[in-house]
């Protein structure tokens, strides 16, 4: 599994350690990715996600996983979340009819 946030798209960054003598040594900056599950009220089930702490804050700011998925364009969603967008749209159409 890649260390990538499904909400924000944050990934590992590469940089240098710089010593007092200005020596450069390659290093990586890892992201704070957590495996978590969130409850979808529209689908009435849990969705497993790999998100960063800031990704969870972003999702909550938008109003939860359902609102985040609905408000985000399909092309900008993580490929693992695209089926959920279709399921949510289908559930909302069935609820209206």
C-alpha atoms as a PDB file:
ATOM      1  CA  UNK A   1       0.000   0.000   0.000  1.00  0.00           C
ATOM      2  CA  UNK A   2       1.247   3.434  -0.820  1.00  0.00           C
ATOM      3  CA  UNK A   3       1.608   6.085   1.832  1.00  0.00           C
ATOM      4  CA  UNK A   4      -0.832   8.479   0.210  1.00  0.00           C
ATOM      5  CA  UNK A   5      -3.831  10.277   1.676  1.00  0.00           C
ATOM      6  CA  UNK A   6      -7.104   9.374  -0.064  1.00  0.00           C
ATOM      7  CA  UNK A   7      -8.595  12.790   0.764  1.00  0.00           C
ATOM      8  CA  UNK A   8      -5.825  15.354   0.223  1.00  0.00           C
ATOM      9  CA  UNK A   9      -3.458  13.349  -1.994  1.00  0.00           C
ATOM     10  CA  UNK A  10      -0.475  14.117   0.235  1.00  0.00           C
ATOM     11  CA  UNK A  11       2.510  11.858  -0.405  1.00  0.00           C
ATOM     12  CA  UNK A  12       6.095  11.392   0.749  1.00  0.00           C
ATOM     13  CA  UNK A  13       8.440  14.308   0.013  1.00  0.00           C
ATOM     14  CA  UNK A  14      12.189  14.110  -0.525  1.00  0.00           C
ATOM     15  CA  UNK A  15      14.730  16.617   0.720  1.00  0.00           C
ATOM     16  CA  UNK A  16      18.105  16.986   2.350  1.00  0.00           C
ATOM     17  CA  UNK A  17      19.464  16.920   5.868  1.00  0.00           C
ATOM     18  CA  UNK A  18      21.823  19.864   6.221  1.00  0.00           C
ATOM     19  CA  UNK A  19      24.541  19.646   8.846  1.00  0.00           C
ATOM     20  CA  UNK A  20      26.343  22.561  10.463  1.00  0.00           C
ATOM     21  CA  UNK A  21      29.132  21.977   7.925  1.00  0.00           C
ATOM     22  CA  UNK A  22      26.494  22.258   5.118  1.00  0.00           C
ATOM     23  CA  UNK A  23      26.795  18.564   4.190  1.00  0.00           C
ATOM     24  CA  UNK A  24      23.780  17.369   2.218  1.00  0.00           C
ATOM     25  CA  UNK A  25      22.276  13.926   2.905  1.00  0.00           C
ATOM     26  CA  UNK A  26      19.105  12.699   1.205  1.00  0.00           C
ATOM     27  CA  UNK A  27      16.122  12.045   3.469  1.00  0.00           C
ATOM     28  CA  UNK A  28      12.380  11.546   3.195  1.00  0.00           C
ATOM     29  CA  UNK A  29       9.517  13.373   4.860  1.00  0.00           C
ATOM     30  CA  UNK A  30       6.812  10.798   5.546  1.00  0.00           C
ATOM     31  CA  UNK A  31       3.131  11.643   5.804  1.00  0.00           C
ATOM     32  CA  UNK A  32       1.029  10.903   8.880  1.00  0.00           C
ATOM     33  CA  UNK A  33      -1.222   8.326   7.175  1.00  0.00           C
ATOM     34  CA  UNK A  34      -3.700   6.478   9.391  1.00  0.00           C
ATOM     35  CA  UNK A  35      -5.992   3.581   8.534  1.00  0.00           C
ATOM     36  CA  UNK A  36      -9.479   4.528   9.685  1.00  0.00           C
ATOM     37  CA  UNK A  37     -13.128   3.841   9.021  1.00  0.00           C
ATOM     38  CA  UNK A  38     -15.814   6.476   8.715  1.00  0.00           C
ATOM     39  CA  UNK A  39     -19.552   5.968   8.703  1.00  0.00           C
ATOM     40  CA  UNK A  40     -21.517   6.984   5.616  1.00  0.00           C
ATOM     41  CA  UNK A  41     -25.016   8.029   6.656  1.00  0.00           C
ATOM     42  CA  UNK A  42     -26.355   7.820   3.102  1.00  0.00           C
ATOM     43  CA  UNK A  43     -24.960   4.324   2.417  1.00  0.00           C
ATOM     44  CA  UNK A  44     -25.573   3.232   6.042  1.00  0.00           C
ATOM     45  CA  UNK A  45     -22.212   1.477   6.324  1.00  0.00           C
ATOM     46  CA  UNK A  46     -18.580   2.078   7.168  1.00  0.00           C
ATOM     47  CA  UNK A  47     -15.955   3.039   4.589  1.00  0.00           C
ATOM     48  CA  UNK A  48     -12.290   2.143   5.153  1.00  0.00           C
ATOM     49  CA  UNK A  49      -9.877   4.979   4.378  1.00  0.00           C
ATOM     50  CA  UNK A  50      -6.145   5.733   4.501  1.00  0.00           C
ATOM     51  CA  UNK A  51      -6.028   9.397   5.437  1.00  0.00           C
ATOM     52  CA  UNK A  52      -3.749  11.936   7.052  1.00  0.00           C
ATOM     53  CA  UNK A  53      -4.748  13.910  10.111  1.00  0.00           C
ATOM     54  CA  UNK A  54      -5.242  16.969   7.922  1.00  0.00           C
ATOM     55  CA  UNK A  55      -7.369  14.860   5.562  1.00  0.00           C
ATOM     56  CA  UNK A  56      -9.713  14.003   8.425  1.00  0.00           C
ATOM     57  CA  UNK A  57      -9.989  17.706   9.293  1.00  0.00           C
ATOM     58  CA  UNK A  58     -10.738  18.558   5.661  1.00  0.00           C
ATOM     59  CA  UNK A  59     -13.417  15.892   5.482  1.00  0.00           C
ATOM     60  CA  UNK A  60     -15.067  17.131   8.692  1.00  0.00           C
ATOM     61  CA  UNK A  61     -14.937  20.729   7.482  1.00  0.00           C
ATOM     62  CA  UNK A  62     -16.853  19.732   4.332  1.00  0.00           C
ATOM     63  CA  UNK A  63     -19.513  18.027   6.471  1.00  0.00           C
ATOM     64  CA  UNK A  64     -18.456  14.381   6.620  1.00  0.00           C
ATOM     65  CA  UNK A  65     -17.516  11.710   4.107  1.00  0.00           C
ATOM     66  CA  UNK A  66     -20.812  11.923   2.203  1.00  0.00           C
ATOM     67  CA  UNK A  67     -20.634  15.683   1.690  1.00  0.00           C
ATOM     68  CA  UNK A  68     -16.942  15.500   0.778  1.00  0.00           C
ATOM     69  CA  UNK A  69     -17.504  12.843  -1.881  1.00  0.00           C
ATOM     70  CA  UNK A  70     -20.531  14.662  -3.312  1.00  0.00           C
ATOM     71  CA  UNK A  71     -18.776  18.038  -3.515  1.00  0.00           C
ATOM     72  CA  UNK A  72     -15.579  16.720  -5.120  1.00  0.00           C
ATOM     73  CA  UNK A  73     -15.353  16.170  -8.874  1.00  0.00           C
ATOM     74  CA  UNK A  74     -15.044  12.540  -9.924  1.00  0.00           C
ATOM     75  CA  UNK A  75     -11.719  13.227 -11.668  1.00  0.00           C
ATOM     76  CA  UNK A  76     -10.245  14.706  -8.466  1.00  0.00           C
ATOM     77  CA  UNK A  77     -11.340  11.837  -6.212  1.00  0.00           C
ATOM     78  CA  UNK A  78      -9.005   8.996  -5.321  1.00  0.00           C
ATOM     79  CA  UNK A  79      -9.769   6.003  -7.599  1.00  0.00           C
ATOM     80  CA  UNK A  80     -10.791   3.948  -4.551  1.00  0.00           C
ATOM     81  CA  UNK A  81     -13.470   6.533  -3.650  1.00  0.00           C
ATOM     82  CA  UNK A  82     -15.038   6.820  -7.118  1.00  0.00           C
ATOM     83  CA  UNK A  83     -17.354   3.796  -6.702  1.00  0.00           C
ATOM     84  CA  UNK A  84     -18.683   5.340  -3.479  1.00  0.00           C
ATOM     85  CA  UNK A  85     -19.592   8.523  -5.356  1.00  0.00           C
ATOM     86  CA  UNK A  86     -21.702   6.504  -7.805  1.00  0.00           C
ATOM     87  CA  UNK A  87     -23.344   4.578  -4.947  1.00  0.00           C
ATOM     88  CA  UNK A  88     -24.162   7.785  -3.065  1.00  0.00           C
ATOM     89  CA  UNK A  89     -25.676   9.397  -6.179  1.00  0.00           C
ATOM     90  CA  UNK A  90     -27.728   6.267  -6.831  1.00  0.00           C
ATOM     91  CA  UNK A  91     -28.955   6.149  -3.219  1.00  0.00           C
ATOM     92  CA  UNK A  92     -29.955   9.827  -3.332  1.00  0.00           C
ATOM     93  CA  UNK A  93     -31.884   9.337  -6.582  1.00  0.00           C
ATOM     94  CA  UNK A  94     -33.720   6.355  -5.105  1.00  0.00           C
ATOM     95  CA  UNK A  95     -34.538   8.396  -2.004  1.00  0.00           C
ATOM     96  CA  UNK A  96     -36.036  11.210  -4.136  1.00  0.00           C
ATOM     97  CA  UNK A  97     -38.200   8.853  -6.208  1.00  0.00           C
END
